[in-house]
């Protein structure tokens, strides 16, 4: 059971689904948009068609405009085809690499200390303890279990780390998808945002390295999750106001900037909404039982909103998880948070 839980989580986090075989594939269209029909199904995610790359949502409809895939931004033209090279978008020039990634958030070469970015060797992985950082050929990696290692942006034990597509830990400086620059320590920990001291990366993936049990099964108490603890925005009209009273800080709800109704969060574009806690506990029902956690946040439409994962730790062991919803554009999505295979979800409706 332990292995199955970890394997399923790692597959969700790190493995790209194989492209289906093309059987009677053709473009279809209705009032909602275009989709690519393959037999009795339709394409989702990335799909190469006649030499061009397209991206389809979970509902099968073709995407256009900017999309965020992990830590990378891509631009899909009006016909849905992914752009590359120098591209003019609404009168402004952008540089995209041959794989369509916006170069403004590409990782500088110095971030890998001038060493070649390559995956870790099988031999080194086999001798490295689970849930730990390790070095090879001048590069640093993080092993989860067996042949799995981290890629992308992760919250590890409350600290944020950035790994490239080969699993190499980034250091010195990083430029995000929005163009914000971050200072990284020699150990790879994100120190601060150089462009905006009040802005923080908010990873959709998190894990803890300390444990007292090999039983990874957990219980989730999400009864306090759908409460709003803070609302932040660059737009003063959308920014929440925190006031202090005898019990500490709380939001001024006389002019709410975001609301909860049932299982739905209602918010506006360009907002970051801090939600309440998800309490995690071991199924062992022992106060001393703390398994390693792997927490993954998934949005059905990450162009509308995503959720980062914040960890609350005590003596290095997990205590609680706090979601932070980032709203990008008007629309609706469902966000699911998966902790060691146990899921909780809520809807998000974003307006302008």
Foldseek 3Di string as FASTA:
>chain_A
DLVVLVVVLLCVAQPDDDDDDAAPWDWDADPVAIFIDGVPRTDAAWDADPNFIWHAFPVRHTDAAWDDDQQFIWGAHPVRTTDAAWDADPNDTFHHHPVRTGCLQPFDCCQQVVFDQAADDLVVLVPDDAQDWDDDRSFIWGHHDRRGTDAGWEQELQWIWHAHSRRTTTAQWGATNVNWIFGAHPVRTTDATPVDRPDDDFAQKYKARDWDDSQQDKDKDCVQFADWFAKDFPDPLLGWDWDQDPVGIGTDPVNDNWDDDDQEIEHAARMKTKTDKIFMDHPVPDPRGADMKIKGKDKSGVQAKTWGWGFDDDPRGTGIIIIIIHGHAADKIKMWMAISRDIDIGIYGYHD
